Protein backbone atom coordinates (compact mmCIF):
# COMPACT_ATOMS: atom_id res chain seq x y z
CA MET A 1 -77.39 8.16 -15.89
CA LYS A 2 -76.36 10.01 -19.04
CA ASN A 3 -73.41 11.60 -17.22
CA PHE A 4 -72.23 8.20 -15.93
CA ILE A 5 -72.31 6.69 -19.45
CA THR A 6 -70.30 9.64 -20.80
CA PHE A 7 -67.66 9.24 -18.02
CA PHE A 8 -67.43 5.48 -18.60
CA LEU A 9 -66.89 5.90 -22.37
CA SER A 10 -64.18 8.52 -21.71
CA VAL A 11 -62.24 6.17 -19.37
CA LEU A 12 -62.59 3.32 -21.87
CA CYS A 13 -61.15 5.43 -24.72
CA PHE A 14 -58.20 6.64 -22.61
CA THR A 15 -57.36 3.08 -21.59
CA ALA A 16 -57.45 1.87 -25.19
CA TRP A 17 -55.19 4.77 -26.28
CA ALA A 18 -52.66 4.00 -23.54
CA MET A 19 -52.54 0.32 -24.54
CA LEU A 20 -52.03 1.16 -28.21
CA SER A 21 -49.28 3.65 -27.35
CA SER A 22 -47.38 1.11 -25.24
CA CYS A 23 -47.31 -1.37 -28.12
CA GLY A 24 -44.80 0.79 -29.99
CA GLN A 25 -42.33 1.09 -27.08
CA GLN A 26 -39.00 -0.85 -27.08
CA ILE A 27 -38.44 -2.57 -23.73
CA PRO A 28 -34.76 -3.19 -23.04
CA PRO A 29 -33.77 -6.81 -22.35
CA THR A 30 -33.09 -7.72 -18.76
CA GLY A 31 -29.74 -9.32 -19.76
CA GLY A 32 -28.22 -12.67 -18.97
CA PRO A 33 -25.35 -13.86 -16.79
CA ARG A 34 -21.99 -12.09 -17.07
CA ASP A 35 -19.51 -13.63 -19.50
CA SER A 36 -16.80 -15.21 -17.32
CA ILE A 37 -15.21 -17.49 -19.93
CA PRO A 38 -11.72 -16.38 -21.00
CA PRO A 39 -10.70 -16.33 -24.67
CA LYS A 40 -9.61 -19.63 -26.24
CA LEU A 41 -6.67 -20.12 -28.55
CA VAL A 42 -7.87 -21.10 -32.03
CA SER A 43 -4.55 -21.30 -33.86
CA ALA A 44 -0.87 -20.40 -33.58
CA ASN A 45 1.52 -19.60 -36.43
CA PRO A 46 4.04 -21.17 -36.08
CA GLY A 47 2.30 -23.89 -34.08
CA LEU A 48 2.77 -24.58 -30.38
CA ARG A 49 6.06 -26.37 -29.52
CA THR A 50 7.43 -25.76 -33.02
CA LEU A 51 10.91 -27.23 -33.67
CA ASN A 52 13.67 -25.66 -35.78
CA PHE A 53 12.08 -22.23 -35.40
CA LYS A 54 13.68 -19.73 -37.83
CA GLY A 55 11.34 -16.72 -37.94
CA ASN A 56 10.95 -13.56 -35.90
CA LYS A 57 7.15 -13.30 -35.66
CA ILE A 58 4.45 -15.29 -33.88
CA VAL A 59 0.71 -14.83 -34.48
CA LEU A 60 -1.80 -16.21 -31.97
CA THR A 61 -5.50 -16.23 -32.95
CA PHE A 62 -8.32 -16.42 -30.39
CA ASP A 63 -12.07 -16.97 -30.54
CA GLU A 64 -13.00 -13.42 -29.50
CA TYR A 65 -11.68 -9.87 -29.52
CA ILE A 66 -8.75 -9.47 -27.15
CA GLY A 67 -6.19 -7.00 -25.80
CA VAL A 68 -2.70 -7.35 -24.28
CA GLU A 69 -2.35 -5.58 -20.92
CA ARG A 70 1.05 -4.10 -19.97
CA PRO A 71 3.11 -6.60 -21.99
CA PHE A 72 6.50 -5.16 -20.99
CA GLU A 73 5.60 -5.64 -17.33
CA LYS A 74 3.76 -8.97 -17.48
CA LEU A 75 5.42 -11.02 -20.20
CA VAL A 76 8.35 -13.23 -19.18
CA ILE A 77 10.69 -14.48 -21.91
CA SER A 78 13.03 -17.41 -21.20
CA PRO A 79 15.93 -17.47 -21.72
CA THR A 80 16.10 -13.76 -20.94
CA PRO A 81 16.64 -11.81 -24.18
CA LYS A 82 18.83 -8.72 -24.56
CA LYS A 83 16.05 -6.99 -26.51
CA PHE A 84 12.49 -7.37 -25.26
CA PRO A 85 9.99 -8.48 -27.95
CA GLU A 86 6.95 -6.46 -28.99
CA ALA A 87 3.49 -7.91 -28.25
CA ILE A 88 0.43 -6.27 -29.84
CA GLY A 89 -3.22 -7.26 -29.51
CA LYS A 90 -5.53 -6.36 -32.41
CA LEU A 91 -9.03 -7.72 -33.02
CA LYS A 92 -8.70 -11.46 -32.33
CA GLU A 93 -4.92 -11.74 -32.79
CA VAL A 94 -1.82 -11.29 -30.68
CA THR A 95 1.31 -10.64 -32.70
CA VAL A 96 4.72 -11.09 -31.07
CA LYS A 97 7.71 -9.62 -32.90
CA LEU A 98 11.08 -10.97 -31.74
CA LYS A 99 13.82 -8.34 -31.75
CA ASP A 100 16.70 -10.43 -30.43
CA THR A 101 18.92 -12.92 -32.26
CA LEU A 102 17.85 -16.40 -31.18
CA GLU A 103 20.41 -18.90 -29.90
CA GLU A 104 20.84 -22.19 -31.71
CA ASN A 105 19.43 -25.42 -30.24
CA THR A 106 17.61 -23.51 -27.52
CA THR A 107 14.09 -23.83 -26.13
CA TYR A 108 12.27 -20.52 -25.67
CA THR A 109 9.10 -19.86 -23.68
CA ILE A 110 6.97 -16.72 -23.75
CA ASP A 111 4.88 -16.66 -20.58
CA PHE A 112 1.96 -14.25 -20.98
CA GLN A 113 0.69 -14.87 -17.43
CA ASP A 114 -2.67 -12.98 -17.36
CA ALA A 115 -1.81 -10.26 -19.91
CA ILE A 116 -4.24 -11.50 -22.61
CA LYS A 117 -7.85 -10.52 -21.84
CA ASP A 118 -11.08 -10.31 -23.76
CA ILE A 119 -12.26 -6.81 -24.66
CA ASN A 120 -15.80 -7.00 -23.24
CA GLU A 121 -15.37 -8.37 -19.72
CA ASN A 122 -11.57 -8.34 -19.22
CA ASN A 123 -11.50 -12.09 -18.58
CA PRO A 124 -7.80 -13.10 -18.59
CA ILE A 125 -6.29 -16.31 -19.90
CA LYS A 126 -4.37 -17.49 -16.87
CA GLU A 127 -0.95 -19.16 -17.10
CA PHE A 128 -0.89 -19.06 -20.91
CA SER A 129 2.51 -19.60 -22.55
CA TYR A 130 3.97 -20.28 -25.99
CA THR A 131 7.02 -22.55 -26.36
CA PHE A 132 9.22 -23.21 -29.36
CA SER A 133 12.75 -24.47 -30.07
CA THR A 134 15.44 -23.38 -32.50
CA GLY A 135 16.72 -26.96 -32.42
CA SER A 136 15.32 -30.42 -33.01
CA TYR A 137 13.93 -30.96 -29.48
CA ILE A 138 12.18 -29.19 -26.59
CA ASP A 139 14.14 -29.01 -23.33
CA THR A 140 12.34 -30.87 -20.55
CA GLY A 141 14.13 -29.50 -17.48
CA PHE A 142 11.90 -28.09 -14.74
CA LEU A 143 12.10 -26.74 -11.22
CA VAL A 144 9.40 -25.77 -8.73
CA GLY A 145 9.62 -24.09 -5.36
CA ARG A 146 8.42 -21.47 -2.95
CA VAL A 147 9.76 -18.22 -1.54
CA ILE A 148 9.08 -17.17 2.06
CA ASN A 149 9.85 -13.86 3.75
CA ALA A 150 12.16 -15.05 6.53
CA GLU A 151 11.23 -12.22 8.90
CA ASN A 152 7.51 -12.98 9.07
CA GLY A 153 7.23 -16.50 7.64
CA ARG A 154 4.76 -15.44 4.93
CA PRO A 155 4.97 -15.58 1.12
CA ASP A 156 5.71 -12.41 -0.84
CA SER A 157 4.50 -12.53 -4.44
CA THR A 158 6.32 -9.31 -5.37
CA LEU A 159 9.64 -11.20 -5.59
CA ILE A 160 10.99 -13.11 -8.59
CA ALA A 161 12.91 -16.39 -8.78
CA ILE A 162 15.99 -16.45 -10.99
CA LEU A 163 18.40 -19.06 -12.31
CA GLN A 164 21.94 -17.87 -12.89
CA ARG A 165 24.17 -19.99 -15.16
CA ASP A 166 27.36 -18.17 -14.12
CA LEU A 167 28.19 -19.70 -10.72
CA SER A 168 30.45 -16.89 -9.48
CA ASP A 169 29.20 -15.03 -6.39
CA SER A 170 29.08 -11.67 -8.13
CA ALA A 171 27.04 -12.86 -11.14
CA VAL A 172 23.72 -12.21 -9.37
CA ALA A 173 24.73 -8.54 -8.98
CA LYS A 174 26.33 -7.99 -12.39
CA GLN A 175 24.65 -10.23 -14.96
CA THR A 176 21.13 -10.65 -16.31
CA PRO A 177 19.90 -14.11 -15.25
CA ARG A 178 19.53 -16.93 -17.75
CA TYR A 179 15.97 -17.62 -16.56
CA TYR A 180 13.56 -15.81 -14.27
CA THR A 181 9.91 -16.16 -13.33
CA ARG A 182 7.42 -14.29 -11.19
CA LEU A 183 5.87 -15.75 -8.07
CA LYS A 184 2.23 -16.66 -7.58
CA GLY A 185 0.17 -15.33 -4.70
CA ASP A 186 1.19 -18.21 -2.43
CA GLY A 187 4.89 -17.57 -3.10
CA SER A 188 5.29 -20.57 -5.41
CA PHE A 189 7.18 -20.57 -8.69
CA ALA A 190 7.78 -22.97 -11.58
CA PHE A 191 10.46 -23.09 -14.27
CA LYS A 192 9.52 -25.23 -17.31
CA TYR A 193 11.26 -26.20 -20.55
CA ILE A 194 14.73 -25.18 -19.32
CA LYS A 195 18.05 -26.60 -20.42
CA PRO A 196 19.50 -29.19 -18.01
CA GLY A 197 22.67 -28.05 -16.28
CA ILE A 198 24.09 -26.48 -13.12
CA TYR A 199 22.65 -23.17 -11.91
CA ASN A 200 22.49 -20.93 -8.86
CA LEU A 201 18.93 -20.33 -7.66
CA PHE A 202 17.93 -16.99 -6.11
CA ALA A 203 14.85 -15.10 -5.02
CA LEU A 204 15.03 -11.36 -5.54
CA LYS A 205 13.02 -8.24 -4.79
CA ASP A 206 13.55 -6.60 -8.16
CA VAL A 207 13.16 -2.95 -7.14
CA ASP A 208 14.61 -1.35 -10.27
CA GLY A 209 13.54 -3.95 -12.85
CA MET A 210 17.13 -4.93 -13.71
CA LYS A 211 16.76 -8.45 -12.25
CA LYS A 212 20.06 -8.05 -10.40
CA TYR A 213 20.99 -7.84 -6.73
CA ASP A 214 22.50 -4.39 -7.09
CA GLN A 215 20.75 -2.33 -4.40
CA SER A 216 20.92 -2.57 -0.63
CA SER A 217 17.13 -2.07 -0.48
CA GLU A 218 16.50 -5.33 -2.37
CA MET A 219 15.60 -8.59 -0.67
CA ILE A 220 17.42 -11.78 -1.62
CA GLY A 221 17.11 -15.49 -0.94
CA PHE A 222 19.75 -18.04 -1.89
CA LEU A 223 20.78 -21.66 -1.47
CA LYS A 224 23.98 -22.97 0.05
CA ARG A 225 24.86 -24.88 -3.12
CA PRO A 226 24.19 -24.82 -6.87
CA ILE A 227 21.31 -26.94 -8.17
CA VAL A 228 21.33 -29.49 -10.96
CA ILE A 229 18.43 -29.18 -13.41
CA GLY A 230 17.59 -32.72 -14.43
CA LYS A 231 18.20 -34.00 -10.91
CA ASP A 232 16.96 -31.39 -8.39
CA THR A 233 13.26 -30.60 -8.66
CA ALA A 234 12.03 -28.52 -5.67
CA PHE A 235 13.37 -25.96 -3.18
CA THR A 236 12.20 -23.37 -0.66
CA LEU A 237 14.02 -20.06 -0.42
CA PHE A 238 13.91 -17.71 2.57
CA ALA A 239 14.22 -14.10 1.46
CA PHE A 240 15.62 -11.34 3.63
CA LYS A 241 16.98 -7.81 3.50
CA THR A 242 20.50 -7.28 4.79
CA GLU A 243 20.84 -4.59 7.42
CA ASP A 244 23.15 -1.77 6.36
CA GLU A 245 26.43 -2.09 8.23
CA GLU A 246 26.78 1.67 8.32
CA LYS A 247 23.47 3.39 8.77
CA PRO A 248 23.41 6.98 7.49
CA LYS A 249 23.56 9.56 10.23
CA PRO A 250 20.46 11.72 10.48
CA LYS A 251 20.88 15.20 9.11
CA PRO A 252 20.73 17.95 11.75
CA VAL A 253 17.32 19.55 11.89
CA ALA A 254 17.40 23.30 11.38
CA LYS A 255 16.07 25.13 14.39
CA PRO A 256 12.83 26.85 13.40
CA GLU A 257 12.53 30.59 13.73
CA VAL A 258 10.59 31.48 16.83
CA LYS A 259 7.60 33.66 16.07
CA LYS A 260 6.08 36.08 18.51
CA ASN A 261 3.19 34.61 20.53
CA GLU A 262 3.99 31.14 19.13
CA ASP A 263 2.49 28.25 21.12
CA LYS A 264 5.46 26.62 22.91
CA ARG A 265 3.49 23.98 24.81
CA ILE A 266 4.97 20.52 24.40
CA LYS A 267 2.52 18.02 22.90
CA PHE A 268 2.17 14.56 24.48
CA SER A 269 0.25 11.35 23.93
CA TYR A 270 -0.35 9.00 26.86
CA SER A 271 -0.73 5.22 27.07
CA ILE A 272 -3.44 5.69 29.71
CA GLU A 273 -6.82 5.12 28.03
CA SER A 274 -10.12 6.41 29.44
CA ASN A 275 -8.50 6.93 32.86
CA ARG A 276 -7.72 3.19 33.04
CA HIS A 277 -4.28 1.63 32.82
CA ASP A 278 -2.98 -1.85 32.02
CA ILE A 279 -1.26 -3.36 35.07
CA LEU A 280 1.10 -5.37 32.82
CA THR A 281 2.75 -2.39 31.12
CA PRO A 282 4.49 0.85 32.12
CA ILE A 283 3.08 4.30 31.47
CA LYS A 284 4.41 5.70 28.19
CA ILE A 285 4.40 9.44 27.48
CA THR A 286 5.32 10.20 23.87
CA SER A 287 6.42 13.56 22.46
CA ASP A 288 6.39 14.79 18.85
CA ALA A 289 10.02 15.93 19.09
CA PRO A 290 12.96 14.41 21.04
CA PHE A 291 13.57 15.49 24.61
CA LYS A 292 16.39 18.00 25.17
CA LYS A 293 16.12 18.47 28.92
CA LEU A 294 14.37 16.20 31.42
CA ASP A 295 14.09 16.71 35.18
CA THR A 296 12.77 13.48 36.68
CA SER A 297 12.56 15.05 40.14
CA LYS A 298 9.54 16.96 38.82
CA ILE A 299 7.68 13.73 38.03
CA ARG A 300 5.74 12.26 40.93
CA LEU A 301 3.44 9.26 41.26
CA VAL A 302 1.09 9.19 44.27
CA ASN A 303 -2.01 7.32 45.45
CA LYS A 304 -5.41 8.94 45.90
CA GLU A 305 -4.37 10.28 49.33
CA PHE A 306 -1.30 11.83 47.64
CA LYS A 307 1.01 9.44 49.45
CA PRO A 308 4.11 8.98 47.24
CA ILE A 309 4.66 5.70 45.39
CA VAL A 310 8.30 4.84 46.01
CA LYS A 311 9.04 1.84 43.81
CA TYR A 312 9.06 2.93 40.17
CA LYS A 313 11.66 3.57 37.49
CA ILE A 314 11.82 6.33 34.87
CA SER A 315 13.66 5.94 31.57
CA THR A 316 13.51 7.05 27.92
CA ASP A 317 13.51 5.00 24.73
CA THR A 318 16.25 5.02 22.07
CA SER A 319 14.52 7.78 20.06
CA ASN A 320 14.44 9.98 23.18
CA LYS A 321 10.82 10.80 22.34
CA GLN A 322 9.19 8.48 24.85
CA LEU A 323 9.20 8.67 28.63
CA ILE A 324 8.68 5.28 30.31
CA ILE A 325 7.45 5.03 33.90
CA ASP A 326 7.69 1.40 35.04
CA VAL A 327 5.65 0.60 38.14
CA PRO A 328 4.78 -2.65 40.02
CA TRP A 329 1.07 -1.88 39.80
CA THR A 330 -1.52 -2.86 42.39
CA GLU A 331 -4.81 -3.88 40.80
CA ASN A 332 -7.93 -1.72 40.97
CA THR A 333 -6.08 1.17 42.61
CA GLU A 334 -6.35 4.90 42.01
CA TYR A 335 -3.13 6.72 41.12
CA LYS A 336 -2.18 10.29 40.34
CA LEU A 337 0.68 11.17 38.01
CA ILE A 338 1.93 14.71 38.68
CA LEU A 339 3.97 16.39 35.94
CA GLU A 340 5.34 19.68 37.23
CA LYS A 341 5.87 22.82 35.21
CA GLU A 342 8.92 22.68 32.93
CA PHE A 343 9.81 19.11 33.87
CA VAL A 344 10.75 18.64 30.21
CA PHE A 345 11.96 20.66 27.20
CA ASP A 346 12.12 19.25 23.68
CA THR A 347 14.58 20.06 20.88
CA LEU A 348 12.17 22.70 19.54
CA ASP A 349 12.23 24.45 22.93
CA ASN A 350 8.65 23.43 23.63
CA ARG A 351 8.03 22.76 27.31
CA GLN A 352 5.52 21.78 29.97
CA MET A 353 3.85 25.15 30.60
CA LYS A 354 1.99 24.28 33.82
CA THR A 355 1.68 21.50 36.36
CA ASP A 356 -0.66 18.68 35.23
CA THR A 357 -2.21 15.94 37.35
CA ILE A 358 -3.43 12.81 35.59
CA THR A 359 -5.76 10.66 37.68
CA PHE A 360 -6.34 7.05 36.66
CA THR A 361 -7.18 3.62 38.06
CA SER A 362 -5.31 0.39 37.42
CA LYS A 363 -7.29 -2.48 35.94
CA LYS A 364 -8.57 -5.49 37.91
CA GLU A 365 -6.89 -8.88 37.62
CA SER A 366 -10.28 -10.31 36.66
CA GLU A 367 -10.06 -8.26 33.44
CA TYR A 368 -7.24 -10.54 32.29
CA GLY A 369 -7.06 -14.21 31.38
CA SER A 370 -4.49 -16.82 32.34
CA LEU A 371 -2.49 -18.67 29.66
CA ASP A 372 -1.36 -22.29 29.87
CA ILE A 373 1.14 -23.16 27.09
CA ARG A 374 1.90 -26.83 26.38
CA ILE A 375 4.67 -27.76 23.94
CA GLU A 376 4.97 -31.11 22.16
CA ASN A 377 8.15 -32.42 20.46
CA LEU A 378 10.31 -29.74 22.05
CA ASP A 379 13.93 -29.65 20.84
CA THR A 380 15.80 -26.96 22.77
CA SER A 381 18.95 -27.32 20.63
CA ASN A 382 17.20 -25.14 18.00
CA HIS A 383 16.54 -22.43 20.63
CA PRO A 384 12.85 -22.01 19.70
CA ILE A 385 11.06 -18.86 20.84
CA LEU A 386 7.28 -18.51 20.85
CA LEU A 387 6.28 -15.15 19.35
CA ILE A 388 2.78 -13.89 20.13
CA LYS A 389 1.90 -11.06 17.74
CA LYS A 390 -0.77 -8.41 17.48
CA ASP A 391 -1.12 -6.51 14.18
CA ASP A 392 2.23 -7.91 12.97
CA ARG A 393 4.05 -6.58 16.03
CA ILE A 394 5.55 -8.79 18.71
CA PHE A 395 3.36 -8.44 21.79
CA PHE A 396 5.01 -11.16 23.86
CA GLN A 397 7.81 -13.67 23.38
CA LEU A 398 8.75 -16.75 25.35
CA PRO A 399 11.93 -18.88 24.96
CA LEU A 400 10.67 -22.47 24.89
CA LYS A 401 12.74 -24.39 27.44
CA GLU A 402 9.98 -26.30 29.22
CA ILE A 403 7.12 -28.37 27.87
CA ARG A 404 4.66 -26.37 29.96
CA THR A 405 4.50 -22.70 30.95
CA LYS A 406 1.75 -20.93 32.85
CA ILE A 407 1.24 -17.17 32.67
CA LYS A 408 -1.04 -15.81 35.36
CA LEU A 409 -2.18 -12.63 33.61
CA PHE A 410 -2.49 -12.05 29.87
CA ARG A 411 -4.33 -9.25 28.12
CA PRO A 412 -7.58 -10.44 26.43
CA ASP A 413 -7.44 -10.19 22.64
CA GLU A 414 -6.98 -12.14 19.40
CA TYR A 415 -3.32 -12.90 18.63
CA GLN A 416 -1.20 -14.60 15.98
CA MET A 417 1.58 -17.04 16.89
CA ALA A 418 4.90 -17.92 15.30
CA ILE A 419 8.03 -19.86 16.23
CA LEU A 420 11.44 -18.21 15.88
CA TYR A 421 14.36 -20.61 15.63
CA ASP A 422 17.00 -18.44 17.28
CA SER A 423 20.14 -20.17 15.99
CA ASN A 424 22.59 -17.79 17.67
CA ASN A 425 20.53 -17.72 20.90
CA ASN A 426 20.50 -13.93 21.26
CA GLY A 427 16.77 -13.60 21.84
CA LYS A 428 15.82 -11.89 18.57
CA TRP A 429 15.45 -12.53 14.84
CA ASP A 430 18.64 -12.00 12.83
CA THR A 431 18.75 -11.37 9.10
CA GLY A 432 21.16 -12.98 6.65
CA ASN A 433 23.98 -11.76 4.41
CA TYR A 434 24.50 -13.12 0.91
CA TRP A 435 28.10 -11.95 0.58
CA LYS A 436 29.00 -13.67 3.87
CA LYS A 437 26.88 -16.71 2.90
CA LEU A 438 24.85 -16.27 6.07
CA GLN A 439 21.26 -17.48 5.99
CA PRO A 440 18.57 -15.63 8.00
CA GLU A 441 16.99 -17.15 11.07
CA LEU A 442 13.62 -18.75 10.42
CA ILE A 443 10.23 -17.64 11.69
CA ILE A 444 7.47 -20.20 11.14
CA PRO A 445 3.92 -18.85 11.61
CA ARG A 446 1.32 -21.04 13.29
CA LYS A 447 -1.98 -21.56 11.50
CA GLN A 448 -4.13 -21.34 14.60
CA ASN A 449 -4.76 -17.99 16.30
CA LEU A 450 -4.64 -17.47 20.04
CA THR A 451 -7.80 -16.10 21.66
CA ILE A 452 -7.48 -14.87 25.25
CA ARG A 453 -10.72 -14.36 27.18
CA SER A 454 -10.88 -12.36 30.39
CA ASN A 455 -11.37 -14.16 33.72
CA TRP A 456 -10.75 -17.47 31.95
CA ASP A 457 -8.10 -20.23 31.99
CA ASN A 458 -6.93 -20.23 28.36
CA GLU A 459 -4.94 -23.20 27.03
CA VAL A 460 -2.88 -23.63 23.85
CA LYS A 461 -1.04 -26.70 22.56
CA ILE A 462 1.81 -26.32 20.07
CA ASP A 463 3.39 -29.27 18.29
CA LEU A 464 6.82 -28.17 17.07
CA LYS A 465 7.14 -31.23 14.86
């Protein structure tokens, strides 16, 4: 009993000591919700929309500590100055120092976009701008629009929209534009507070930052006529890249020095997957280097009893790296592709070192789905072509000449659809040319995807209106 009382008192003392010790500890706060509120403008000196502006410095004060992120890249000054202003963020102020001589009776806008952010959480002020005038009024001209990549029908926010006051064709290549603005994520743009007048409107992929169409690698979009600010209000531009008329010839590849005991086996990749082959496509054998010598008599296709298949065609692609064996396949049938020794040499003198036999089976028709395409409001004068794409590559295309088309076998998968308006009726998309005033052909993507299920009658309705 005495031992128990001693043990109990010891436990009681230890517990009391632990409680007293914990009273002096600082427990960190669990924290509250993350600050997601962007800074707010408290004052501007001179004030917003100031008239008869004469100074060269603007001070913007906010309600919290801020910074200016990549001002030379993000800020847009309209009209475009010869000397870019300096924008510095310090504590709660943004100071803009103008380095260019301002024009008389002109409305200027400094568009900060999302460059101004708070220090703690990097919350940006979106679409913030400062406007002033050196005259007695603020210009009220505006223009909105959208830029679409003509080749895929999607917006491209890396382009800019520009307004050129000089209406000569060469001005877009030689002169800095009067106004420019960057595109939003959906490809839209907006010009505000611009002087009414006649301008040429362009979209441009500004590769070198000069805001001029002075490189063949740059995309451009243009209108057929000048626009009138004060009358015209909205346009859509279709941007494209002009194909080089004279493509540079590839430089000859130096023949590598052959080392003793070097592996000279040619390396192939095959379109046959897991010993199964698609009955809708030819066999494709792809080499790392172009073919130099090809003996098609050493390529044989046979059935499982080694009886030769007679009806097939062998060809190569334009790169001369791919061998194409086109066969009218029979479903669920075993085949053997025999590639004899030295049937091919490539430009590096690699070769087929021994005879290979590739055994595979063609797929069953039940592994495919049928496709029933129904077209509403079909106008064949526009030469529409249905493009079915997989991973941004054209998988299948169909000129739309009938309101209904049935395809017996189609590979199961998830596809995207688009309509090409093939104005010159040559079966493919053609780009434009600004100097020839030639607009690109239009590709309009469809919102709905196409899902093909195997062993199923799949239907799709497309309203071209």
